[in-house]
Amino acid sequence: MTRYAEVKRKLRGSIAPIITPFFESGSIDFGSLKNLIDWHIESGTHAISVTGTTGEPSSLTVDERVQVMEHAAKAVDRRVPFVPGTGTTNHEETLFLTKKAQEIGADAALVIVPYYNKPSQHALYKHFKAVADSVDIPIIIYNIPGRTATNLDVKTLAKLSKDCPNIIGVKESNKDFEHVNRVLLNCGRDFLLYSGIELLCYPMLAIGGAGHISATANILPGKVAEIYDAWAEGDVKRAQDLHYELMPLNDVLFKDTNPAPLKAALGMMGKIKPVLRLPMDLPSSELQEEIRKVLKQYVTLSDQVSAK
């Protein structure tokens, strides 16, 4: 058994990427963050992540990211694995946040491909290797070319997985399904492959994926987790049924930039105050009404909000 085998065994299923709740003033609502985490764990979510794309990390200062990580780790209290997002566009900040994740007892760190600056594949290799070498905890790379403008090549990922034993997986928010197939072919079938694309959560399990890190879990944590549970139990029809059941919700939640529709929806559910920090903002009133109509098919909305 390899050093990270036990962690790899635990890090399967639905890793929910929790939003960062704010008060109307714009300050972080740590009480609501704890309530969301408790709700997720009670609903069957297999692991918790914060400060990834859905957590608006680019709207947080480095100190605030550390605070969110610390509060989330305390709320999780080792009931399920904890995998905070620690990547930034700045190498030294990424090193700092990843080391901080290790200090607070995270089970792994989710590290995004640096965004905006469009590094070469050689530079990406050096960046991720330095991050992996700086800590002992496992690293899950986060490839989301639609946000970063850079796609991590399979060959680069395979070399990293070979040279860095603690790089154990990748979150692929990549609509190129041929690409994600080649990840397991080149990195090995025991490499942890997670879907970050909602309509690929079920299909990626069929090729050997380890689970999913789906924004929709913020709304229906139990059903998103059940997709994995049904598949793992051999109930293919149930997994397929859930896949199609969730499609209308998945579609409407991505008609504006994530997490704006999510926060609008969670506000309608009475879970949070629907607040984002500029330059992000809530969806248009027309889209919010569409979200409300779709959401009513799945959950009971807060009377105060749904009546608006």
C-alpha atoms as a PDB file:
ATOM      1  CA  MET A   1       0.000   0.000   0.000  1.00  0.00           C
ATOM      2  CA  THR A   2       1.407   3.391  -0.995  1.00  0.00           C
ATOM      3  CA  ARG A   3       1.714   6.271   1.439  1.00  0.00           C
ATOM      4  CA  TYR A   4      -1.383   8.030   0.107  1.00  0.00           C
ATOM      5  CA  ALA A   5      -3.521   4.950  -0.560  1.00  0.00           C
ATOM      6  CA  GLU A   6      -5.807   5.458   2.453  1.00  0.00           C
ATOM      7  CA  VAL A   7      -6.436   9.115   1.596  1.00  0.00           C
ATOM      8  CA  LYS A   8      -7.189   8.137  -1.996  1.00  0.00           C
ATOM      9  CA  ARG A   9      -9.684   5.580  -0.759  1.00  0.00           C
ATOM     10  CA  LYS A  10     -11.505   8.212   1.337  1.00  0.00           C
ATOM     11  CA  LEU A  11     -11.532  10.956  -1.287  1.00  0.00           C
ATOM     12  CA  ARG A  12     -14.266   9.453  -3.445  1.00  0.00           C
ATOM     13  CA  GLY A  13     -17.791  10.625  -4.078  1.00  0.00           C
ATOM     14  CA  SER A  14     -19.247  14.120  -3.939  1.00  0.00           C
ATOM     15  CA  ILE A  15     -16.772  16.740  -2.734  1.00  0.00           C
ATOM     16  CA  ALA A  16     -19.054  19.742  -2.309  1.00  0.00           C
ATOM     17  CA  PRO A  17     -17.502  23.120  -3.254  1.00  0.00           C
ATOM     18  CA  ILE A  18     -19.191  25.337  -0.665  1.00  0.00           C
ATOM     19  CA  ILE A  19     -20.025  28.972  -1.444  1.00  0.00           C
ATOM     20  CA  THR A  20     -18.615  31.724   0.774  1.00  0.00           C
ATOM     21  CA  PRO A  21     -21.625  33.423   2.423  1.00  0.00           C
ATOM     22  CA  PHE A  22     -21.515  37.169   3.006  1.00  0.00           C
ATOM     23  CA  PHE A  23     -23.562  39.557   5.101  1.00  0.00           C
ATOM     24  CA  GLU A  24     -25.200  42.475   3.316  1.00  0.00           C
ATOM     25  CA  SER A  25     -22.226  44.574   4.444  1.00  0.00           C
ATOM     26  CA  GLY A  26     -19.945  42.290   2.430  1.00  0.00           C
ATOM     27  CA  SER A  27     -18.221  40.730   5.456  1.00  0.00           C
ATOM     28  CA  ILE A  28     -17.989  36.951   5.677  1.00  0.00           C
ATOM     29  CA  ASP A  29     -20.896  35.196   7.396  1.00  0.00           C
ATOM     30  CA  PHE A  30     -19.061  32.429   9.241  1.00  0.00           C
ATOM     31  CA  GLY A  31     -22.211  31.310  11.049  1.00  0.00           C
ATOM     32  CA  SER A  32     -23.954  30.523   7.767  1.00  0.00           C
ATOM     33  CA  LEU A  33     -20.794  28.784   6.518  1.00  0.00           C
ATOM     34  CA  LYS A  34     -20.929  26.429   9.507  1.00  0.00           C
ATOM     35  CA  ASN A  35     -24.653  25.825   9.003  1.00  0.00           C
ATOM     36  CA  LEU A  36     -24.083  24.966   5.335  1.00  0.00           C
ATOM     37  CA  ILE A  37     -21.297  22.532   6.202  1.00  0.00           C
ATOM     38  CA  ASP A  38     -23.450  20.815   8.849  1.00  0.00           C
ATOM     39  CA  TRP A  39     -26.319  20.539   6.343  1.00  0.00           C
ATOM     40  CA  HIS A  40     -24.039  19.019   3.722  1.00  0.00           C
ATOM     41  CA  ILE A  41     -22.627  16.401   6.042  1.00  0.00           C
ATOM     42  CA  GLU A  42     -26.097  15.507   7.328  1.00  0.00           C
ATOM     43  CA  SER A  43     -27.284  15.220   3.696  1.00  0.00           C
ATOM     44  CA  GLY A  44     -24.620  12.689   2.740  1.00  0.00           C
ATOM     45  CA  THR A  45     -21.932  14.828   1.106  1.00  0.00           C
ATOM     46  CA  HIS A  46     -18.724  12.779   1.114  1.00  0.00           C
ATOM     47  CA  ALA A  47     -16.191  15.624   1.523  1.00  0.00           C
ATOM     48  CA  ILE A  48     -16.107  19.402   1.892  1.00  0.00           C
ATOM     49  CA  SER A  49     -14.183  21.987  -0.112  1.00  0.00           C
ATOM     50  CA  VAL A  50     -14.073  25.765   0.299  1.00  0.00           C
ATOM     51  CA  THR A  51     -12.357  28.653  -1.510  1.00  0.00           C
ATOM     52  CA  GLY A  52     -12.513  27.011  -4.907  1.00  0.00           C
ATOM     53  CA  THR A  53     -14.170  28.756  -7.847  1.00  0.00           C
ATOM     54  CA  THR A  54     -17.624  28.473  -6.249  1.00  0.00           C
ATOM     55  CA  GLY A  55     -16.247  30.067  -3.066  1.00  0.00           C
ATOM     56  CA  GLU A  56     -15.287  33.324  -4.855  1.00  0.00           C
ATOM     57  CA  PRO A  57     -11.593  33.129  -3.894  1.00  0.00           C
ATOM     58  CA  SER A  58     -10.606  36.027  -6.154  1.00  0.00           C
ATOM     59  CA  SER A  59     -13.026  38.224  -4.167  1.00  0.00           C
ATOM     60  CA  LEU A  60     -11.264  37.328  -0.903  1.00  0.00           C
ATOM     61  CA  THR A  61      -7.994  38.603   0.504  1.00  0.00           C
ATOM     62  CA  VAL A  62      -5.352  36.013   1.358  1.00  0.00           C
ATOM     63  CA  ASP A  63      -6.089  36.568   5.072  1.00  0.00           C
ATOM     64  CA  GLU A  64      -9.812  36.022   4.434  1.00  0.00           C
ATOM     65  CA  ARG A  65      -9.087  32.798   2.555  1.00  0.00           C
ATOM     66  CA  VAL A  66      -7.144  31.555   5.562  1.00  0.00           C
ATOM     67  CA  GLN A  67     -10.032  32.507   7.851  1.00  0.00           C
ATOM     68  CA  VAL A  68     -12.546  30.661   5.678  1.00  0.00           C
ATOM     69  CA  MET A  69     -10.302  27.595   5.607  1.00  0.00           C
ATOM     70  CA  GLU A  70      -9.843  27.657   9.370  1.00  0.00           C
ATOM     71  CA  HIS A  71     -13.540  28.113  10.143  1.00  0.00           C
ATOM     72  CA  ALA A  72     -14.474  25.397   7.666  1.00  0.00           C
ATOM     73  CA  ALA A  73     -11.933  22.950   9.088  1.00  0.00           C
ATOM     74  CA  LYS A  74     -13.346  23.548  12.564  1.00  0.00           C
ATOM     75  CA  ALA A  75     -16.911  23.071  11.317  1.00  0.00           C
ATOM     76  CA  VAL A  76     -16.064  19.866   9.451  1.00  0.00           C
ATOM     77  CA  ASP A  77     -14.342  18.557  12.580  1.00  0.00           C
ATOM     78  CA  ARG A  78     -12.969  15.531  10.695  1.00  0.00           C
ATOM     79  CA  ARG A  79     -16.454  14.098  10.124  1.00  0.00           C
ATOM     80  CA  VAL A  80     -15.639  13.909   6.408  1.00  0.00           C
ATOM     81  CA  PRO A  81     -12.477  14.739   4.429  1.00  0.00           C
ATOM     82  CA  PHE A  82     -11.667  18.434   4.002  1.00  0.00           C
ATOM     83  CA  VAL A  83     -10.133  19.699   0.743  1.00  0.00           C
ATOM     84  CA  PRO A  84      -9.737  23.502   0.580  1.00  0.00           C
ATOM     85  CA  GLY A  85      -8.846  25.316  -2.606  1.00  0.00           C
ATOM     86  CA  THR A  86      -5.413  26.922  -2.249  1.00  0.00           C
ATOM     87  CA  GLY A  87      -4.465  27.943  -5.770  1.00  0.00           C
ATOM     88  CA  THR A  88      -4.076  31.527  -6.968  1.00  0.00           C
ATOM     89  CA  THR A  89      -2.512  33.288  -9.922  1.00  0.00           C
ATOM     90  CA  ASN A  90       0.489  34.078  -7.683  1.00  0.00           C
ATOM     91  CA  HIS A  91       3.007  31.324  -6.998  1.00  0.00           C
ATOM     92  CA  GLU A  92       4.108  32.482  -3.535  1.00  0.00           C
ATOM     93  CA  GLU A  93       0.507  32.947  -2.394  1.00  0.00           C
ATOM     94  CA  THR A  94      -0.299  29.449  -3.603  1.00  0.00           C
ATOM     95  CA  LEU A  95       2.626  28.038  -1.645  1.00  0.00           C
ATOM     96  CA  PHE A  96       1.540  29.960   1.470  1.00  0.00           C
ATOM     97  CA  LEU A  97      -2.094  28.859   1.277  1.00  0.00           C
ATOM     98  CA  THR A  98      -1.217  25.232   0.551  1.00  0.00           C
ATOM     99  CA  LYS A  99       1.145  25.120   3.522  1.00  0.00           C
ATOM    100  CA  LYS A 100      -1.594  26.702   5.633  1.00  0.00           C
ATOM    101  CA  ALA A 101      -4.003  23.969   4.512  1.00  0.00           C
ATOM    102  CA  GLN A 102      -1.531  21.382   5.783  1.00  0.00           C
ATOM    103  CA  GLU A 103      -1.141  23.262   9.088  1.00  0.00           C
ATOM    104  CA  ILE A 104      -4.883  23.235   9.772  1.00  0.00           C
ATOM    105  CA  GLY A 105      -5.177  19.527   9.069  1.00  0.00           C
ATOM    106  CA  ALA A 106      -6.673  19.438   5.571  1.00  0.00           C
ATOM    107  CA  ASP A 107      -6.822  15.990   3.999  1.00  0.00           C
ATOM    108  CA  ALA A 108      -5.731  17.392   0.622  1.00  0.00           C
ATOM    109  CA  ALA A 109      -5.476  20.707  -1.224  1.00  0.00           C
ATOM    110  CA  LEU A 110      -7.222  21.612  -4.468  1.00  0.00           C
ATOM    111  CA  VAL A 111      -4.829  23.738  -6.547  1.00  0.00           C
ATOM    112  CA  ILE A 112      -6.109  25.493  -9.656  1.00  0.00           C
ATOM    113  CA  VAL A 113      -4.151  26.074 -12.853  1.00  0.00           C
ATOM    114  CA  PRO A 114      -3.044  29.720 -12.511  1.00  0.00           C
ATOM    115  CA  TYR A 115      -5.469  32.002 -14.268  1.00  0.00           C
ATOM    116  CA  TYR A 116      -5.003  35.125 -16.405  1.00  0.00           C
ATOM    117  CA  ASN A 117      -1.226  34.853 -16.939  1.00  0.00           C
ATOM    118  CA  LYS A 118      -1.446  31.817 -19.315  1.00  0.00           C
ATOM    119  CA  PRO A 119       1.746  29.934 -18.331  1.00  0.00           C
ATOM    120  CA  SER A 120       3.386  27.423 -20.666  1.00  0.00           C
ATOM    121  CA  GLN A 121       3.199  23.676 -19.982  1.00  0.00           C
ATOM    122  CA  HIS A 122       6.813  23.764 -18.786  1.00  0.00           C
ATOM    123  CA  ALA A 123       5.995  26.584 -16.374  1.00  0.00           C
ATOM    124  CA  LEU A 124       2.893  24.749 -15.138  1.00  0.00           C
ATOM    125  CA  TYR A 125       5.007  21.682 -14.429  1.00  0.00           C
ATOM    126  CA  LYS A 126       7.488  23.743 -12.380  1.00  0.00           C
ATOM    127  CA  HIS A 127       4.679  25.521 -10.512  1.00  0.00           C
ATOM    128  CA  PHE A 128       2.784  22.393  -9.506  1.00  0.00           C
ATOM    129  CA  LYS A 129       5.933  20.450  -8.665  1.00  0.00           C
ATOM    130  CA  ALA A 130       7.086  23.237  -6.346  1.00  0.00           C
ATOM    131  CA  VAL A 131       3.677  23.290  -4.645  1.00  0.00           C
ATOM    132  CA  ALA A 132       3.650  19.510  -4.244  1.00  0.00           C
ATOM    133  CA  ASP A 133       7.210  19.472  -2.917  1.00  0.00           C
ATOM    134  CA  SER A 134       6.367  22.133  -0.328  1.00  0.00           C
ATOM    135  CA  VAL A 135       3.876  19.970   1.595  1.00  0.00           C
ATOM    136  CA  ASP A 136       3.217  16.376   2.631  1.00  0.00           C
ATOM    137  CA  ILE A 137      -0.549  16.420   2.069  1.00  0.00           C
ATOM    138  CA  PRO A 138      -2.052  15.188  -1.209  1.00  0.00           C
ATOM    139  CA  ILE A 139      -2.610  17.635  -4.048  1.00  0.00           C
ATOM    140  CA  ILE A 140      -5.570  17.555  -6.433  1.00  0.00           C
ATOM    141  CA  ILE A 141      -4.927  19.730  -9.467  1.00  0.00           C
ATOM    142  CA  TYR A 142      -7.859  21.777 -10.752  1.00  0.00           C
ATOM    143  CA  ASN A 143      -8.017  22.157 -14.531  1.00  0.00           C
ATOM    144  CA  ILE A 144     -10.694  24.609 -15.704  1.00  0.00           C
ATOM    145  CA  PRO A 145      -9.605  26.054 -19.056  1.00  0.00           C
ATOM    146  CA  GLY A 146     -12.834  28.032 -19.472  1.00  0.00           C
ATOM    147  CA  ARG A 147     -11.790  30.186 -16.506  1.00  0.00           C
ATOM    148  CA  THR A 148      -8.008  30.081 -16.707  1.00  0.00           C
ATOM    149  CA  ALA A 149      -7.523  30.353 -20.504  1.00  0.00           C
ATOM    150  CA  THR A 150      -4.941  27.561 -20.181  1.00  0.00           C
ATOM    151  CA  ASN A 151      -5.511  23.817 -20.500  1.00  0.00           C
ATOM    152  CA  LEU A 152      -3.213  21.515 -18.542  1.00  0.00           C
ATOM    153  CA  ASP A 153      -2.067  18.965 -21.099  1.00  0.00           C
ATOM    154  CA  VAL A 154      -2.465  15.293 -20.263  1.00  0.00           C
ATOM    155  CA  LYS A 155       1.267  14.741 -20.830  1.00  0.00           C
ATOM    156  CA  THR A 156       2.101  17.468 -18.303  1.00  0.00           C
ATOM    157  CA  LEU A 157      -0.318  16.007 -15.779  1.00  0.00           C
ATOM    158  CA  ALA A 158       1.053  12.497 -16.318  1.00  0.00           C
ATOM    159  CA  LYS A 159       4.614  13.689 -15.715  1.00  0.00           C
ATOM    160  CA  LEU A 160       3.521  15.472 -12.536  1.00  0.00           C
ATOM    161  CA  SER A 161       1.703  12.379 -11.262  1.00  0.00           C
ATOM    162  CA  LYS A 162       4.830  10.316 -11.894  1.00  0.00           C
ATOM    163  CA  ASP A 163       7.323  12.755 -10.393  1.00  0.00           C
ATOM    164  CA  CYS A 164       5.218  13.887  -7.402  1.00  0.00           C
ATOM    165  CA  PRO A 165       3.742  11.026  -5.355  1.00  0.00           C
ATOM    166  CA  ASN A 166       1.399  13.405  -3.505  1.00  0.00           C
ATOM    167  CA  ILE A 167      -0.265  14.641  -6.707  1.00  0.00           C
ATOM    168  CA  ILE A 168      -3.058  12.102  -6.516  1.00  0.00           C
ATOM    169  CA  GLY A 169      -5.813  13.465  -8.714  1.00  0.00           C
ATOM    170  CA  VAL A 170      -7.353  16.144 -10.874  1.00  0.00           C
ATOM    171  CA  LYS A 171     -10.640  18.014 -11.000  1.00  0.00           C
ATOM    172  CA  GLU A 172     -11.431  18.328 -14.703  1.00  0.00           C
ATOM    173  CA  SER A 173     -13.819  21.163 -15.487  1.00  0.00           C
ATOM    174  CA  ASN A 174     -13.177  20.297 -19.088  1.00  0.00           C
ATOM    175  CA  LYS A 175     -15.914  19.691 -21.639  1.00  0.00           C
ATOM    176  CA  ASP A 176     -13.492  17.734 -23.816  1.00  0.00           C
ATOM    177  CA  PHE A 177     -14.491  14.200 -22.846  1.00  0.00           C
ATOM    178  CA  GLU A 178     -11.694  12.720 -24.965  1.00  0.00           C
ATOM    179  CA  HIS A 179      -9.220  14.684 -22.824  1.00  0.00           C
ATOM    180  CA  VAL A 180     -10.604  13.311 -19.550  1.00  0.00           C
ATOM    181  CA  ASN A 181     -10.508   9.747 -20.902  1.00  0.00           C
ATOM    182  CA  ARG A 182      -6.824  10.197 -21.669  1.00  0.00           C
ATOM    183  CA  VAL A 183      -6.139  11.370 -18.118  1.00  0.00           C
ATOM    184  CA  LEU A 184      -6.753   7.891 -16.712  1.00  0.00           C
ATOM    185  CA  LEU A 185      -5.044   6.218 -19.660  1.00  0.00           C
ATOM    186  CA  ASN A 186      -1.859   8.220 -19.084  1.00  0.00           C
ATOM    187  CA  CYS A 187      -1.918   8.803 -15.319  1.00  0.00           C
ATOM    188  CA  GLY A 188      -3.122   5.335 -14.346  1.00  0.00           C
ATOM    189  CA  ARG A 189      -6.515   3.974 -13.427  1.00  0.00           C
ATOM    190  CA  ASP A 190      -5.903   4.615  -9.717  1.00  0.00           C
ATOM    191  CA  PHE A 191      -5.426   8.358 -10.339  1.00  0.00           C
ATOM    192  CA  LEU A 192      -8.392  10.250  -8.885  1.00  0.00           C
ATOM    193  CA  LEU A 193     -10.423  11.892 -11.644  1.00  0.00           C
ATOM    194  CA  TYR A 194     -13.252  14.214 -10.576  1.00  0.00           C
ATOM    195  CA  SER A 195     -15.798  15.894 -12.790  1.00  0.00           C
ATOM    196  CA  GLY A 196     -16.214  19.632 -12.420  1.00  0.00           C
ATOM    197  CA  ILE A 197     -18.775  19.718 -15.229  1.00  0.00           C
ATOM    198  CA  GLU A 198     -22.285  18.971 -13.975  1.00  0.00           C
ATOM    199  CA  LEU A 199     -23.442  17.062 -17.060  1.00  0.00           C
ATOM    200  CA  LEU A 200     -20.321  14.877 -16.893  1.00  0.00           C
ATOM    201  CA  CYS A 201     -20.638  13.819 -13.235  1.00  0.00           C
ATOM    202  CA  TYR A 202     -22.354  10.557 -14.123  1.00  0.00           C
ATOM    203  CA  PRO A 203     -20.519   9.866 -17.424  1.00  0.00           C
ATOM    204  CA  MET A 204     -17.143  10.335 -15.746  1.00  0.00           C
ATOM    205  CA  LEU A 205     -17.954   7.633 -13.200  1.00  0.00           C
ATOM    206  CA  ALA A 206     -18.525   5.236 -16.097  1.00  0.00           C
ATOM    207  CA  ILE A 207     -14.916   5.635 -17.306  1.00  0.00           C
ATOM    208  CA  GLY A 208     -13.451   5.159 -13.817  1.00  0.00           C
ATOM    209  CA  GLY A 209     -13.821   8.575 -12.218  1.00  0.00           C
ATOM    210  CA  ALA A 210     -13.526   8.967  -8.446  1.00  0.00           C
ATOM    211  CA  GLY A 211     -16.472  11.323  -8.077  1.00  0.00           C
ATOM    212  CA  HIS A 212     -17.369  14.931  -8.691  1.00  0.00           C
ATOM    213  CA  ILE A 213     -16.882  18.443  -7.365  1.00  0.00           C
ATOM    214  CA  SER A 214     -20.174  19.907  -8.513  1.00  0.00           C
ATOM    215  CA  ALA A 215     -21.528  23.379  -7.768  1.00  0.00           C
ATOM    216  CA  THR A 216     -25.072  21.963  -7.861  1.00  0.00           C
ATOM    217  CA  ALA A 217     -24.274  20.123  -4.624  1.00  0.00           C
ATOM    218  CA  ASN A 218     -24.779  23.485  -2.919  1.00  0.00           C
ATOM    219  CA  ILE A 219     -28.497  23.202  -3.718  1.00  0.00           C
ATOM    220  CA  LEU A 220     -29.162  19.442  -3.567  1.00  0.00           C
ATOM    221  CA  PRO A 221     -26.279  17.895  -1.626  1.00  0.00           C
ATOM    222  CA  GLY A 222     -28.095  14.612  -1.020  1.00  0.00           C
ATOM    223  CA  LYS A 223     -29.007  13.934  -4.647  1.00  0.00           C
ATOM    224  CA  VAL A 224     -25.582  14.918  -5.985  1.00  0.00           C
ATOM    225  CA  ALA A 225     -23.957  12.560  -3.466  1.00  0.00           C
ATOM    226  CA  GLU A 226     -26.477   9.841  -4.351  1.00  0.00           C
ATOM    227  CA  ILE A 227     -25.312   9.792  -7.968  1.00  0.00           C
ATOM    228  CA  TYR A 228     -21.988   8.437  -6.714  1.00  0.00           C
ATOM    229  CA  ASP A 229     -23.554   6.190  -4.081  1.00  0.00           C
ATOM    230  CA  ALA A 230     -25.910   4.599  -6.607  1.00  0.00           C
ATOM    231  CA  TRP A 231     -23.079   3.978  -9.051  1.00  0.00           C
ATOM    232  CA  ALA A 232     -20.818   2.521  -6.330  1.00  0.00           C
ATOM    233  CA  GLU A 233     -23.637   0.178  -5.283  1.00  0.00           C
ATOM    234  CA  GLY A 234     -24.152  -0.983  -8.866  1.00  0.00           C
ATOM    235  CA  ASP A 235     -27.532   0.730  -9.242  1.00  0.00           C
ATOM    236  CA  VAL A 236     -26.839   2.109 -12.703  1.00  0.00           C
ATOM    237  CA  LYS A 237     -30.462   2.967 -13.411  1.00  0.00           C
ATOM    238  CA  ARG A 238     -30.750   5.070 -10.243  1.00  0.00           C
ATOM    239  CA  ALA A 239     -27.553   6.945 -11.139  1.00  0.00           C
ATOM    240  CA  GLN A 240     -28.878   7.572 -14.645  1.00  0.00           C
ATOM    241  CA  ASP A 241     -32.253   8.708 -13.321  1.00  0.00           C
ATOM    242  CA  LEU A 242     -30.579  11.226 -11.001  1.00  0.00           C
ATOM    243  CA  HIS A 243     -28.383  12.455 -13.847  1.00  0.00           C
ATOM    244  CA  TYR A 244     -31.414  13.347 -15.928  1.00  0.00           C
ATOM    245  CA  GLU A 245     -33.478  14.550 -12.963  1.00  0.00           C
ATOM    246  CA  LEU A 246     -30.867  17.189 -12.161  1.00  0.00           C
ATOM    247  CA  MET A 247     -30.357  18.432 -15.722  1.00  0.00           C
ATOM    248  CA  PRO A 248     -32.914  21.291 -15.638  1.00  0.00           C
ATOM    249  CA  LEU A 249     -31.386  22.603 -12.413  1.00  0.00           C
ATOM    250  CA  ASN A 250     -27.845  22.227 -13.746  1.00  0.00           C
ATOM    251  CA  ASP A 251     -28.810  24.149 -16.866  1.00  0.00           C
ATOM    252  CA  VAL A 252     -30.367  27.137 -15.107  1.00  0.00           C
ATOM    253  CA  LEU A 253     -27.561  27.400 -12.533  1.00  0.00           C
ATOM    254  CA  PHE A 254     -25.058  28.054 -15.302  1.00  0.00           C
ATOM    255  CA  LYS A 255     -26.959  30.665 -17.310  1.00  0.00           C
ATOM    256  CA  ASP A 256     -24.842  33.253 -15.508  1.00  0.00           C
ATOM    257  CA  THR A 257     -21.360  33.035 -14.054  1.00  0.00           C
ATOM    258  CA  ASN A 258     -21.014  30.688 -11.082  1.00  0.00           C
ATOM    259  CA  PRO A 259     -21.685  31.271  -8.181  1.00  0.00           C
ATOM    260  CA  ALA A 260     -24.154  34.109  -8.895  1.00  0.00           C
ATOM    261  CA  PRO A 261     -27.124  31.827  -9.710  1.00  0.00           C
ATOM    262  CA  LEU A 262     -26.198  29.543  -6.805  1.00  0.00           C
ATOM    263  CA  LYS A 263     -26.303  32.383  -4.314  1.00  0.00           C
ATOM    264  CA  ALA A 264     -29.605  33.608  -5.699  1.00  0.00           C
ATOM    265  CA  ALA A 265     -31.012  30.086  -5.320  1.00  0.00           C
ATOM    266  CA  LEU A 266     -29.653  29.616  -1.801  1.00  0.00           C
ATOM    267  CA  GLY A 267     -31.184  32.934  -0.874  1.00  0.00           C
ATOM    268  CA  MET A 268     -34.539  31.729  -2.182  1.00  0.00           C
ATOM    269  CA  MET A 269     -34.126  28.636  -0.012  1.00  0.00           C
ATOM    270  CA  GLY A 270     -33.447  30.775   3.056  1.00  0.00           C
ATOM    271  CA  LYS A 271     -29.948  29.321   3.505  1.00  0.00           C
ATOM    272  CA  ILE A 272     -27.937  32.533   3.062  1.00  0.00           C
ATOM    273  CA  LYS A 273     -28.244  36.210   2.288  1.00  0.00           C
ATOM    274  CA  PRO A 274     -27.782  36.327  -1.507  1.00  0.00           C
ATOM    275  CA  VAL A 275     -24.759  38.633  -1.567  1.00  0.00           C
ATOM    276  CA  LEU A 276     -21.701  38.646  -3.836  1.00  0.00           C
ATOM    277  CA  ARG A 277     -18.775  41.030  -3.855  1.00  0.00           C
ATOM    278  CA  LEU A 278     -18.188  43.183  -6.904  1.00  0.00           C
ATOM    279  CA  PRO A 279     -17.162  42.691  -9.652  1.00  0.00           C
ATOM    280  CA  MET A 280     -19.529  39.707  -9.261  1.00  0.00           C
ATOM    281  CA  ASP A 281     -23.242  40.371  -8.804  1.00  0.00           C
ATOM    282  CA  LEU A 282     -26.579  38.561  -8.672  1.00  0.00           C
ATOM    283  CA  PRO A 283     -28.245  37.506 -11.947  1.00  0.00           C
ATOM    284  CA  SER A 284     -30.799  39.692 -13.680  1.00  0.00           C
ATOM    285  CA  SER A 285     -34.324  39.775 -12.265  1.00  0.00           C
ATOM    286  CA  GLU A 286     -35.480  37.786 -15.306  1.00  0.00           C
ATOM    287  CA  LEU A 287     -32.969  35.010 -14.680  1.00  0.00           C
ATOM    288  CA  GLN A 288     -33.741  35.015 -10.966  1.00  0.00           C
ATOM    289  CA  GLU A 289     -37.387  34.415 -11.796  1.00  0.00           C
ATOM    290  CA  GLU A 290     -36.392  31.525 -14.062  1.00  0.00           C
ATOM    291  CA  ILE A 291     -34.191  30.091 -11.301  1.00  0.00           C
ATOM    292  CA  ARG A 292     -37.109  30.376  -8.865  1.00  0.00           C
ATOM    293  CA  LYS A 293     -39.446  28.482 -11.205  1.00  0.00           C
ATOM    294  CA  VAL A 294     -36.970  25.660 -11.782  1.00  0.00           C
ATOM    295  CA  LEU A 295     -35.979  25.497  -8.122  1.00  0.00           C
ATOM    296  CA  LYS A 296     -39.583  24.927  -7.067  1.00  0.00           C
ATOM    297  CA  GLN A 297     -39.404  21.554  -8.838  1.00  0.00           C
ATOM    298  CA  TYR A 298     -36.775  20.409  -6.332  1.00  0.00           C
ATOM    299  CA  VAL A 299     -37.098  22.221  -3.001  1.00  0.00           C
ATOM    300  CA  THR A 300     -39.481  24.239  -0.848  1.00  0.00           C
ATOM    301  CA  LEU A 301     -38.525  27.891  -1.036  1.00  0.00           C
ATOM    302  CA  SER A 302     -38.450  30.386   1.789  1.00  0.00           C
ATOM    303  CA  ASP A 303     -41.914  31.979   1.959  1.00  0.00           C
ATOM    304  CA  GLN A 304     -40.439  35.428   2.434  1.00  0.00           C
ATOM    305  CA  VAL A 305     -38.215  35.205  -0.623  1.00  0.00           C
ATOM    306  CA  SER A 306     -40.378  33.128  -2.955  1.00  0.00           C
ATOM    307  CA  ALA A 307     -43.249  35.573  -2.561  1.00  0.00           C
ATOM    308  CA  LYS A 308     -41.197  38.425  -3.998  1.00  0.00           C
END
